Amino acid sequence: MNMFKLASAGILLSILGLSGCSGMTHQEKNTAVGAAVGGVAGNVLCGGVLCTGAGAVVGGVIGHEVSKDEDKKKK
């Protein structure tokens, strides 16, 4: 029963999180994705809160800068 509640809560939070991204610009979405990927990578590499946070910051900056270049190419 606890696994069912945990899975249900995870699915609900995923749906709410994804619906919050619907009004975001392309650059904001890439920043969020970069931060998430960077946080996971930082956690895998070091395993600490500090490394996770640093990875999220670096990933967010990279995602932001990459999408800035894509927006310039479209114009």
PDB file of N, CA and C in Angstrom:
ATOM      1  N   MET A   1       0.819  -1.201   0.000  1.00  0.00           N
ATOM      2  CA  MET A   1       0.000   0.000   0.000  1.00  0.00           C
ATOM      3  C   MET A   1       0.862   1.264   0.000  1.00  0.00           C
ATOM      4  N   ASN A   2       1.982   1.244   0.685  1.00  0.00           N
ATOM      5  CA  ASN A   2       2.838   2.427   0.731  1.00  0.00           C
ATOM      6  C   ASN A   2       3.455   2.728  -0.627  1.00  0.00           C
ATOM      7  N   MET A   3       3.803   1.695  -1.396  1.00  0.00           N
ATOM      8  CA  MET A   3       4.353   1.921  -2.730  1.00  0.00           C
ATOM      9  C   MET A   3       3.319   2.566  -3.645  1.00  0.00           C
ATOM     10  N   PHE A   4       2.062   2.187  -3.496  1.00  0.00           N
ATOM     11  CA  PHE A   4       0.994   2.778  -4.303  1.00  0.00           C
ATOM     12  C   PHE A   4       0.863   4.261  -3.987  1.00  0.00           C
ATOM     13  N   LYS A   5       0.896   4.613  -2.709  1.00  0.00           N
ATOM     14  CA  LYS A   5       0.796   6.019  -2.317  1.00  0.00           C
ATOM     15  C   LYS A   5       2.002   6.809  -2.823  1.00  0.00           C
ATOM     16  N   LEU A   6       3.178   6.209  -2.729  1.00  0.00           N
ATOM     17  CA  LEU A   6       4.381   6.882  -3.186  1.00  0.00           C
ATOM     18  C   LEU A   6       4.353   7.101  -4.698  1.00  0.00           C
ATOM     19  N   ALA A   7       3.942   6.084  -5.436  1.00  0.00           N
ATOM     20  CA  ALA A   7       3.855   6.204  -6.889  1.00  0.00           C
ATOM     21  C   ALA A   7       2.796   7.231  -7.290  1.00  0.00           C
ATOM     22  N   SER A   8       1.668   7.220  -6.603  1.00  0.00           N
ATOM     23  CA  SER A   8       0.601   8.185  -6.901  1.00  0.00           C
ATOM     24  C   SER A   8       1.063   9.611  -6.639  1.00  0.00           C
ATOM     25  N   ALA A   9       1.765   9.804  -5.535  1.00  0.00           N
ATOM     26  CA  ALA A   9       2.268  11.144  -5.211  1.00  0.00           C
ATOM     27  C   ALA A   9       3.298  11.585  -6.250  1.00  0.00           C
ATOM     28  N   GLY A  10       4.155  10.677  -6.693  1.00  0.00           N
ATOM     29  CA  GLY A  10       5.148  11.008  -7.706  1.00  0.00           C
ATOM     30  C   GLY A  10       4.517  11.394  -9.026  1.00  0.00           C
ATOM     31  N   ILE A  11       3.500  10.657  -9.425  1.00  0.00           N
ATOM     32  CA  ILE A  11       2.804  10.966 -10.674  1.00  0.00           C
ATOM     33  C   ILE A  11       2.098  12.310 -10.575  1.00  0.00           C
ATOM     34  N   LEU A  12       1.457  12.570  -9.452  1.00  0.00           N
ATOM     35  CA  LEU A  12       0.753  13.839  -9.254  1.00  0.00           C
ATOM     36  C   LEU A  12       1.728  15.017  -9.291  1.00  0.00           C
ATOM     37  N   LEU A  13       2.853  14.877  -8.597  1.00  0.00           N
ATOM     38  CA  LEU A  13       3.834  15.959  -8.596  1.00  0.00           C
ATOM     39  C   LEU A  13       4.436  16.173  -9.986  1.00  0.00           C
ATOM     40  N   SER A  14       4.625  15.102 -10.724  1.00  0.00           N
ATOM     41  CA  SER A  14       5.145  15.233 -12.091  1.00  0.00           C
ATOM     42  C   SER A  14       4.173  15.990 -12.980  1.00  0.00           C
ATOM     43  N   ILE A  15       2.897  15.666 -12.872  1.00  0.00           N
ATOM     44  CA  ILE A  15       1.882  16.349 -13.680  1.00  0.00           C
ATOM     45  C   ILE A  15       1.806  17.824 -13.317  1.00  0.00           C
ATOM     46  N   LEU A  16       1.821  18.117 -12.026  1.00  0.00           N
ATOM     47  CA  LEU A  16       1.764  19.517 -11.604  1.00  0.00           C
ATOM     48  C   LEU A  16       3.017  20.271 -12.040  1.00  0.00           C
ATOM     49  N   GLY A  17       4.158  19.628 -11.939  1.00  0.00           N
ATOM     50  CA  GLY A  17       5.406  20.273 -12.348  1.00  0.00           C
ATOM     51  C   GLY A  17       5.447  20.555 -13.833  1.00  0.00           C
ATOM     52  N   LEU A  18       4.992  19.613 -14.625  1.00  0.00           N
ATOM     53  CA  LEU A  18       5.007  19.813 -16.074  1.00  0.00           C
ATOM     54  C   LEU A  18       3.976  20.846 -16.511  1.00  0.00           C
ATOM     55  N   SER A  19       2.851  20.918 -15.845  1.00  0.00           N
ATOM     56  CA  SER A  19       1.851  21.917 -16.224  1.00  0.00           C
ATOM     57  C   SER A  19       2.324  23.320 -15.873  1.00  0.00           C
ATOM     58  N   GLY A  20       3.201  23.448 -14.904  1.00  0.00           N
ATOM     59  CA  GLY A  20       3.757  24.751 -14.550  1.00  0.00           C
ATOM     60  C   GLY A  20       4.717  25.277 -15.601  1.00  0.00           C
ATOM     61  N   CYS A  21       5.218  24.406 -16.451  1.00  0.00           N
ATOM     62  CA  CYS A  21       6.177  24.807 -17.486  1.00  0.00           C
ATOM     63  C   CYS A  21       5.500  25.249 -18.777  1.00  0.00           C
ATOM     64  N   SER A  22       4.195  25.205 -18.844  1.00  0.00           N
ATOM     65  CA  SER A  22       3.517  25.485 -20.109  1.00  0.00           C
ATOM     66  C   SER A  22       3.652  26.942 -20.544  1.00  0.00           C
ATOM     67  N   GLY A  23       3.785  27.855 -19.611  1.00  0.00           N
ATOM     68  CA  GLY A  23       3.888  29.266 -19.960  1.00  0.00           C
ATOM     69  C   GLY A  23       5.315  29.768 -20.052  1.00  0.00           C
ATOM     70  N   MET A  24       6.285  28.868 -19.966  1.00  0.00           N
ATOM     71  CA  MET A  24       7.681  29.272 -19.980  1.00  0.00           C
ATOM     72  C   MET A  24       8.180  29.469 -21.416  1.00  0.00           C
ATOM     73  N   THR A  25       9.141  30.356 -21.551  1.00  0.00           N
ATOM     74  CA  THR A  25       9.770  30.532 -22.852  1.00  0.00           C
ATOM     75  C   THR A  25      10.731  29.374 -23.114  1.00  0.00           C
ATOM     76  N   HIS A  26      11.208  29.291 -24.344  1.00  0.00           N
ATOM     77  CA  HIS A  26      12.149  28.234 -24.715  1.00  0.00           C
ATOM     78  C   HIS A  26      13.424  28.333 -23.879  1.00  0.00           C
ATOM     79  N   GLN A  27      13.876  29.547 -23.650  1.00  0.00           N
ATOM     80  CA  GLN A  27      15.105  29.754 -22.882  1.00  0.00           C
ATOM     81  C   GLN A  27      14.910  29.349 -21.421  1.00  0.00           C
ATOM     82  N   GLU A  28      13.760  29.665 -20.837  1.00  0.00           N
ATOM     83  CA  GLU A  28      13.486  29.288 -19.458  1.00  0.00           C
ATOM     84  C   GLU A  28      13.392  27.766 -19.294  1.00  0.00           C
ATOM     85  N   LYS A  29      12.798  27.106 -20.289  1.00  0.00           N
ATOM     86  CA  LYS A  29      12.708  25.640 -20.234  1.00  0.00           C
ATOM     87  C   LYS A  29      14.093  25.010 -20.299  1.00  0.00           C
ATOM     88  N   ASN A  30      14.946  25.530 -21.187  1.00  0.00           N
ATOM     89  CA  ASN A  30      16.299  24.990 -21.293  1.00  0.00           C
ATOM     90  C   ASN A  30      17.106  25.248 -20.022  1.00  0.00           C
ATOM     91  N   THR A  31      16.876  26.378 -19.380  1.00  0.00           N
ATOM     92  CA  THR A  31      17.552  26.661 -18.125  1.00  0.00           C
ATOM     93  C   THR A  31      17.135  25.670 -17.051  1.00  0.00           C
ATOM     94  N   ALA A  32      15.837  25.385 -16.963  1.00  0.00           N
ATOM     95  CA  ALA A  32      15.338  24.433 -15.974  1.00  0.00           C
ATOM     96  C   ALA A  32      15.847  23.021 -16.245  1.00  0.00           C
ATOM     97  N   VAL A  33      15.845  22.623 -17.506  1.00  0.00           N
ATOM     98  CA  VAL A  33      16.345  21.288 -17.856  1.00  0.00           C
ATOM     99  C   VAL A  33      17.839  21.191 -17.557  1.00  0.00           C
ATOM    100  N   GLY A  34      18.584  22.222 -17.887  1.00  0.00           N
ATOM    101  CA  GLY A  34      20.022  22.226 -17.601  1.00  0.00           C
ATOM    102  C   GLY A  34      20.307  22.137 -16.109  1.00  0.00           C
ATOM    103  N   ALA A  35      19.505  22.840 -15.310  1.00  0.00           N
ATOM    104  CA  ALA A  35      19.688  22.793 -13.860  1.00  0.00           C
ATOM    105  C   ALA A  35      19.380  21.405 -13.314  1.00  0.00           C
ATOM    106  N   ALA A  36      18.337  20.775 -13.830  1.00  0.00           N
ATOM    107  CA  ALA A  36      17.983  19.433 -13.363  1.00  0.00           C
ATOM    108  C   ALA A  36      19.060  18.422 -13.737  1.00  0.00           C
ATOM    109  N   VAL A  37      19.510  18.471 -14.972  1.00  0.00           N
ATOM    110  CA  VAL A  37      20.548  17.533 -15.425  1.00  0.00           C
ATOM    111  C   VAL A  37      21.862  17.796 -14.681  1.00  0.00           C
ATOM    112  N   GLY A  38      22.193  19.050 -14.495  1.00  0.00           N
ATOM    113  CA  GLY A  38      23.417  19.392 -13.765  1.00  0.00           C
ATOM    114  C   GLY A  38      23.360  18.958 -12.313  1.00  0.00           C
ATOM    115  N   GLY A  39      22.194  19.078 -11.690  1.00  0.00           N
ATOM    116  CA  GLY A  39      22.045  18.632 -10.309  1.00  0.00           C
ATOM    117  C   GLY A  39      22.228  17.133 -10.171  1.00  0.00           C
ATOM    118  N   VAL A  40      21.651  16.398 -11.098  1.00  0.00           N
ATOM    119  CA  VAL A  40      21.809  14.933 -11.078  1.00  0.00           C
ATOM    120  C   VAL A  40      23.273  14.563 -11.323  1.00  0.00           C
ATOM    121  N   ALA A  41      23.903  15.217 -12.280  1.00  0.00           N
ATOM    122  CA  ALA A  41      25.308  14.919 -12.583  1.00  0.00           C
ATOM    123  C   ALA A  41      26.202  15.257 -11.393  1.00  0.00           C
ATOM    124  N   GLY A  42      25.945  16.379 -10.746  1.00  0.00           N
ATOM    125  CA  GLY A  42      26.735  16.750  -9.568  1.00  0.00           C
ATOM    126  C   GLY A  42      26.564  15.765  -8.430  1.00  0.00           C
ATOM    127  N   ASN A  43      25.354  15.271  -8.261  1.00  0.00           N
ATOM    128  CA  ASN A  43      25.100  14.289  -7.210  1.00  0.00           C
ATOM    129  C   ASN A  43      25.775  12.969  -7.520  1.00  0.00           C
ATOM    130  N   VAL A  44      25.766  12.573  -8.774  1.00  0.00           N
ATOM    131  CA  VAL A  44      26.405  11.307  -9.162  1.00  0.00           C
ATOM    132  C   VAL A  44      27.920  11.405  -8.995  1.00  0.00           C
ATOM    133  N   LEU A  45      28.499  12.536  -9.366  1.00  0.00           N
ATOM    134  CA  LEU A  45      29.953  12.678  -9.301  1.00  0.00           C
ATOM    135  C   LEU A  45      30.483  12.755  -7.868  1.00  0.00           C
ATOM    136  N   CYS A  46      29.820  13.538  -7.014  1.00  0.00           N
ATOM    137  CA  CYS A  46      30.334  13.745  -5.656  1.00  0.00           C
ATOM    138  C   CYS A  46      29.458  13.106  -4.577  1.00  0.00           C
ATOM    139  N   GLY A  47      28.146  13.136  -4.771  1.00  0.00           N
ATOM    140  CA  GLY A  47      27.236  12.544  -3.801  1.00  0.00           C
ATOM    141  C   GLY A  47      26.854  13.444  -2.651  1.00  0.00           C
ATOM    142  N   GLY A  48      27.231  14.693  -2.668  1.00  0.00           N
ATOM    143  CA  GLY A  48      26.902  15.595  -1.581  1.00  0.00           C
ATOM    144  C   GLY A  48      25.958  16.696  -2.012  1.00  0.00           C
ATOM    145  N   VAL A  49      25.410  17.389  -1.024  1.00  0.00           N
ATOM    146  CA  VAL A  49      24.474  18.482  -1.297  1.00  0.00           C
ATOM    147  C   VAL A  49      25.187  19.625  -2.013  1.00  0.00           C
ATOM    148  N   LEU A  50      26.402  19.891  -1.611  1.00  0.00           N
ATOM    149  CA  LEU A  50      27.163  20.986  -2.227  1.00  0.00           C
ATOM    150  C   LEU A  50      27.426  20.709  -3.708  1.00  0.00           C
ATOM    151  N   CYS A  51      27.810  19.491  -4.015  1.00  0.00           N
ATOM    152  CA  CYS A  51      28.070  19.128  -5.420  1.00  0.00           C
ATOM    153  C   CYS A  51      26.781  19.147  -6.236  1.00  0.00           C
ATOM    154  N   THR A  52      25.674  18.733  -5.637  1.00  0.00           N
ATOM    155  CA  THR A  52      24.389  18.759  -6.336  1.00  0.00           C
ATOM    156  C   THR A  52      23.995  20.194  -6.660  1.00  0.00           C
ATOM    157  N   GLY A  53      24.136  21.071  -5.690  1.00  0.00           N
ATOM    158  CA  GLY A  53      23.811  22.482  -5.911  1.00  0.00           C
ATOM    159  C   GLY A  53      24.713  23.133  -6.935  1.00  0.00           C
ATOM    160  N   ALA A  54      26.007  22.834  -6.852  1.00  0.00           N
ATOM    161  CA  ALA A  54      26.940  23.406  -7.820  1.00  0.00           C
ATOM    162  C   ALA A  54      26.645  22.885  -9.225  1.00  0.00           C
ATOM    163  N   GLY A  55      26.323  21.610  -9.330  1.00  0.00           N
ATOM    164  CA  GLY A  55      25.975  21.044 -10.635  1.00  0.00           C
ATOM    165  C   GLY A  55      24.722  21.676 -11.205  1.00  0.00           C
ATOM    166  N   ALA A  56      23.739  21.936 -10.338  1.00  0.00           N
ATOM    167  CA  ALA A  56      22.500  22.573 -10.791  1.00  0.00           C
ATOM    168  C   ALA A  56      22.761  23.987 -11.289  1.00  0.00           C
ATOM    169  N   VAL A  57      23.606  24.716 -10.595  1.00  0.00           N
ATOM    170  CA  VAL A  57      23.925  26.085 -11.015  1.00  0.00           C
ATOM    171  C   VAL A  57      24.649  26.075 -12.360  1.00  0.00           C
ATOM    172  N   VAL A  58      25.662  25.230 -12.476  1.00  0.00           N
ATOM    173  CA  VAL A  58      26.425  25.161 -13.722  1.00  0.00           C
ATOM    174  C   VAL A  58      25.532  24.703 -14.876  1.00  0.00           C
ATOM    175  N   GLY A  59      24.707  23.685 -14.633  1.00  0.00           N
ATOM    176  CA  GLY A  59      23.801  23.200 -15.674  1.00  0.00           C
ATOM    177  C   GLY A  59      22.785  24.250 -16.087  1.00  0.00           C
ATOM    178  N   GLY A  60      22.278  25.005 -15.123  1.00  0.00           N
ATOM    179  CA  GLY A  60      21.327  26.068 -15.437  1.00  0.00           C
ATOM    180  C   GLY A  60      21.948  27.161 -16.287  1.00  0.00           C
ATOM    181  N   VAL A  61      23.173  27.534 -15.956  1.00  0.00           N
ATOM    182  CA  VAL A  61      23.865  28.562 -16.742  1.00  0.00           C
ATOM    183  C   VAL A  61      24.123  28.059 -18.161  1.00  0.00           C
ATOM    184  N   ILE A  62      24.559  26.812 -18.275  1.00  0.00           N
ATOM    185  CA  ILE A  62      24.822  26.258 -19.610  1.00  0.00           C
ATOM    186  C   ILE A  62      23.532  26.184 -20.425  1.00  0.00           C
ATOM    187  N   GLY A  63      22.445  25.716 -19.815  1.00  0.00           N
ATOM    188  CA  GLY A  63      21.166  25.656 -20.523  1.00  0.00           C
ATOM    189  C   GLY A  63      20.676  27.023 -20.955  1.00  0.00           C
ATOM    190  N   HIS A  64      20.893  28.013 -20.114  1.00  0.00           N
ATOM    191  CA  HIS A  64      20.488  29.386 -20.429  1.00  0.00           C
ATOM    192  C   HIS A  64      21.297  29.939 -21.600  1.00  0.00           C
ATOM    193  N   GLU A  65      22.598  29.733 -21.567  1.00  0.00           N
ATOM    194  CA  GLU A  65      23.466  30.277 -22.613  1.00  0.00           C
ATOM    195  C   GLU A  65      23.274  29.558 -23.947  1.00  0.00           C
ATOM    196  N   VAL A  66      23.064  28.248 -23.917  1.00  0.00           N
ATOM    197  CA  VAL A  66      22.859  27.501 -25.163  1.00  0.00           C
ATOM    198  C   VAL A  66      21.585  27.964 -25.854  1.00  0.00           C
ATOM    199  N   SER A  67      20.521  28.160 -25.075  1.00  0.00           N
ATOM    200  CA  SER A  67      19.257  28.579 -25.685  1.00  0.00           C
ATOM    201  C   SER A  67      19.324  30.022 -26.161  1.00  0.00           C
ATOM    202  N   LYS A  68      20.185  30.831 -25.569  1.00  0.00           N
ATOM    203  CA  LYS A  68      20.345  32.209 -26.037  1.00  0.00           C
ATOM    204  C   LYS A  68      20.906  32.209 -27.454  1.00  0.00           C
ATOM    205  N   ASP A  69      21.865  31.336 -27.728  1.00  0.00           N
ATOM    206  CA  ASP A  69      22.435  31.227 -29.073  1.00  0.00           C
ATOM    207  C   ASP A  69      21.400  30.724 -30.072  1.00  0.00           C
ATOM    208  N   GLU A  70      20.536  29.789 -29.660  1.00  0.00           N
ATOM    209  CA  GLU A  70      19.497  29.263 -30.543  1.00  0.00           C
ATOM    210  C   GLU A  70      18.493  30.357 -30.902  1.00  0.00           C
ATOM    211  N   ASP A  71      18.156  31.220 -29.937  1.00  0.00           N
ATOM    212  CA  ASP A  71      17.210  32.288 -30.212  1.00  0.00           C
ATOM    213  C   ASP A  71      17.793  33.312 -31.188  1.00  0.00           C
ATOM    214  N   LYS A  72      19.094  33.560 -31.128  1.00  0.00           N
ATOM    215  CA  LYS A  72      19.722  34.499 -32.053  1.00  0.00           C
ATOM    216  C   LYS A  72      19.713  33.956 -33.474  1.00  0.00           C
ATOM    217  N   LYS A  73      19.877  32.634 -33.608  1.00  0.00           N
ATOM    218  CA  LYS A  73      19.895  32.009 -34.944  1.00  0.00           C
ATOM    219  C   LYS A  73      18.528  32.083 -35.602  1.00  0.00           C
ATOM    220  N   LYS A  74      17.455  32.043 -34.802  1.00  0.00           N
ATOM    221  CA  LYS A  74      16.101  32.060 -35.345  1.00  0.00           C
ATOM    222  C   LYS A  74      15.735  33.439 -35.891  1.00  0.00           C
ATOM    223  N   LYS A  75      16.339  34.502 -35.376  1.00  0.00           N
ATOM    224  CA  LYS A  75      15.978  35.859 -35.782  1.00  0.00           C
ATOM    225  C   LYS A  75      16.652  36.272 -37.051  1.00  0.00           C
TER     226      LYS A  75
END
